[in-house]
Amino acid sequence: MSYSLRTTVNKPFDATVAATRHALAAQGFGVLTEIDLAATLKKKLDVDIQPQVILGACNPPSAYQALQAEESIGVLLPCNVVVRSVDANTTIVEAIDPRTMHELTGNDAMQPVAERVGGMLQATLDSLGG
């Protein structure tokens, strides 16, 4: 099983980040955190990588349901969505496949929420017009 969902978008990085935020909101996710990985690595290690951000996306009803099923699931939340530049007009968007939460925990009560959130994240990626 793959641990991520992925699409390639034929748009520049900044436009794809904005479109990803909009697509997440349309699926009921809020972005709780944003980590600019390129800026962080430049500051801490003085290395350069292509632009890349990690968006910590959360759908509160689903997070609550997951916590009710598995009290330690918070270590796997929020759902990370990575937007990374390949070149000036190509960007990859990847998201954690929530089904890995069911696989990792072995808790069958996680399966329905993992399937639902996985569908929501896949719909997010599909709407980006890969």
Protein backbone atom coordinates (compact mmCIF):
# COMPACT_ATOMS: atom_id res chain seq x y z
CA MET A 1 0.00 0.00 0.00
CA SER A 2 1.26 3.47 -0.87
CA TYR A 3 1.31 5.94 1.99
CA SER A 4 0.43 8.95 -0.14
CA LEU A 5 -2.06 10.28 -2.65
CA ARG A 6 -0.52 12.36 -5.44
CA THR A 7 -1.20 14.53 -8.44
CA THR A 8 0.92 16.60 -10.80
CA VAL A 9 -0.43 20.07 -11.60
CA ASN A 10 0.62 22.07 -14.65
CA LYS A 11 0.67 25.39 -12.83
CA PRO A 12 3.38 27.40 -11.08
CA PHE A 13 4.06 26.73 -7.41
CA ASP A 14 2.36 29.80 -5.88
CA ALA A 15 -0.80 29.33 -7.93
CA THR A 16 -0.90 25.66 -6.94
CA VAL A 17 -0.51 26.46 -3.24
CA ALA A 18 -3.46 28.87 -3.47
CA ALA A 19 -5.53 26.36 -5.46
CA THR A 20 -4.71 23.61 -2.95
CA ARG A 21 -5.83 25.76 -0.01
CA HIS A 22 -9.09 26.51 -1.85
CA ALA A 23 -9.64 22.85 -2.76
CA LEU A 24 -9.02 21.74 0.83
CA ALA A 25 -11.54 24.30 2.10
CA ALA A 26 -14.09 23.10 -0.45
CA GLN A 27 -13.76 19.59 1.04
CA GLY A 28 -14.20 20.87 4.62
CA PHE A 29 -10.54 21.06 5.66
CA GLY A 30 -8.89 23.94 7.44
CA VAL A 31 -5.15 24.51 7.24
CA LEU A 32 -3.86 24.55 10.81
CA THR A 33 -0.15 24.77 10.04
CA GLU A 34 2.10 25.74 7.17
CA ILE A 35 5.77 24.89 7.07
CA ASP A 36 7.90 26.47 4.37
CA LEU A 37 10.39 23.64 4.05
CA ALA A 38 12.63 25.45 1.56
CA ALA A 39 12.95 28.51 3.81
CA THR A 40 13.50 26.39 6.92
CA LEU A 41 16.27 24.32 5.36
CA LYS A 42 17.90 27.45 3.95
CA LYS A 43 17.88 29.09 7.37
CA LYS A 44 18.97 26.04 9.38
CA LEU A 45 21.36 24.30 6.96
CA ASP A 46 22.06 26.92 4.28
CA VAL A 47 20.92 24.53 1.56
CA ASP A 48 18.65 25.22 -1.37
CA ILE A 49 15.75 23.05 -2.47
CA GLN A 50 12.85 23.70 -4.83
CA PRO A 51 9.96 25.59 -3.20
CA GLN A 52 7.99 23.23 -0.96
CA VAL A 53 5.40 23.71 1.76
CA ILE A 54 3.72 21.31 4.14
CA LEU A 55 0.10 22.19 4.88
CA GLY A 56 -1.36 20.62 8.03
CA ALA A 57 -4.98 20.03 6.99
CA CYS A 58 -7.74 19.14 9.43
CA ASN A 59 -11.39 18.24 9.07
CA PRO A 60 -12.60 18.67 12.68
CA PRO A 61 -15.52 16.19 12.61
CA SER A 62 -13.25 13.51 11.15
CA ALA A 63 -10.44 14.29 13.60
CA TYR A 64 -12.91 13.95 16.46
CA GLN A 65 -14.22 10.65 15.13
CA ALA A 66 -10.65 9.35 14.73
CA LEU A 67 -9.81 10.35 18.31
CA GLN A 68 -12.90 8.53 19.55
CA ALA A 69 -11.74 5.38 17.75
CA GLU A 70 -8.04 5.63 18.65
CA GLU A 71 -7.01 7.98 21.44
CA SER A 72 -3.37 8.17 20.31
CA ILE A 73 -4.19 9.00 16.68
CA GLY A 74 -3.20 12.61 17.36
CA VAL A 75 0.41 11.63 16.63
CA LEU A 76 -0.67 11.21 13.00
CA LEU A 77 -2.71 14.40 12.78
CA PRO A 78 -3.21 16.74 11.05
CA CYS A 79 -3.20 15.28 7.55
CA ASN A 80 -0.09 16.58 5.82
CA VAL A 81 -0.47 17.91 2.31
CA VAL A 82 2.80 18.73 0.54
CA VAL A 83 3.01 21.15 -2.36
CA ARG A 84 6.38 21.11 -4.11
CA SER A 85 7.72 22.73 -7.22
CA VAL A 86 9.24 20.60 -9.95
CA ASP A 87 9.93 23.45 -12.36
CA ALA A 88 8.48 26.84 -13.28
CA ASN A 89 5.20 25.34 -14.55
CA THR A 90 4.92 21.97 -12.81
CA THR A 91 3.98 21.32 -9.20
CA ILE A 92 3.36 18.09 -7.32
CA VAL A 93 0.72 17.90 -4.60
CA GLU A 94 0.84 14.93 -2.25
CA ALA A 95 -1.24 14.05 0.78
CA ILE A 96 -0.94 11.40 3.44
CA ASP A 97 -3.25 8.51 2.60
CA PRO A 98 -5.38 8.29 5.77
CA ARG A 99 -5.83 4.58 5.16
CA THR A 100 -2.28 4.21 6.49
CA MET A 101 -3.71 5.26 9.88
CA HIS A 102 -5.93 2.20 9.82
CA GLU A 103 -3.01 0.03 8.69
CA LEU A 104 -0.64 1.42 11.35
CA THR A 105 -3.07 1.11 14.23
CA GLY A 106 -4.68 -2.18 13.22
CA ASN A 107 -7.84 -0.68 14.72
CA ASP A 108 -10.86 -1.57 12.59
CA ALA A 109 -12.80 1.35 14.10
CA MET A 110 -10.40 3.63 12.17
CA GLN A 111 -11.35 2.20 8.79
CA PRO A 112 -14.56 4.20 8.13
CA VAL A 113 -13.01 7.55 9.02
CA ALA A 114 -9.82 6.72 7.10
CA GLU A 115 -11.82 5.78 4.02
CA ARG A 116 -13.97 8.92 4.21
CA VAL A 117 -11.03 11.29 4.74
CA GLY A 118 -9.06 9.51 2.05
CA GLY A 119 -11.92 10.14 -0.35
CA MET A 120 -12.04 13.79 0.64
CA LEU A 121 -8.31 14.22 0.10
CA GLN A 122 -8.47 12.40 -3.24
CA ALA A 123 -11.33 14.71 -4.30
CA THR A 124 -9.13 17.65 -3.29
CA LEU A 125 -6.31 16.42 -5.51
CA ASP A 126 -8.66 15.55 -8.37
CA SER A 127 -10.11 19.08 -8.33
CA LEU A 128 -6.66 20.55 -8.96
CA GLY A 129 -6.90 19.36 -12.53
CA GLY A 130 -3.72 17.26 -12.48
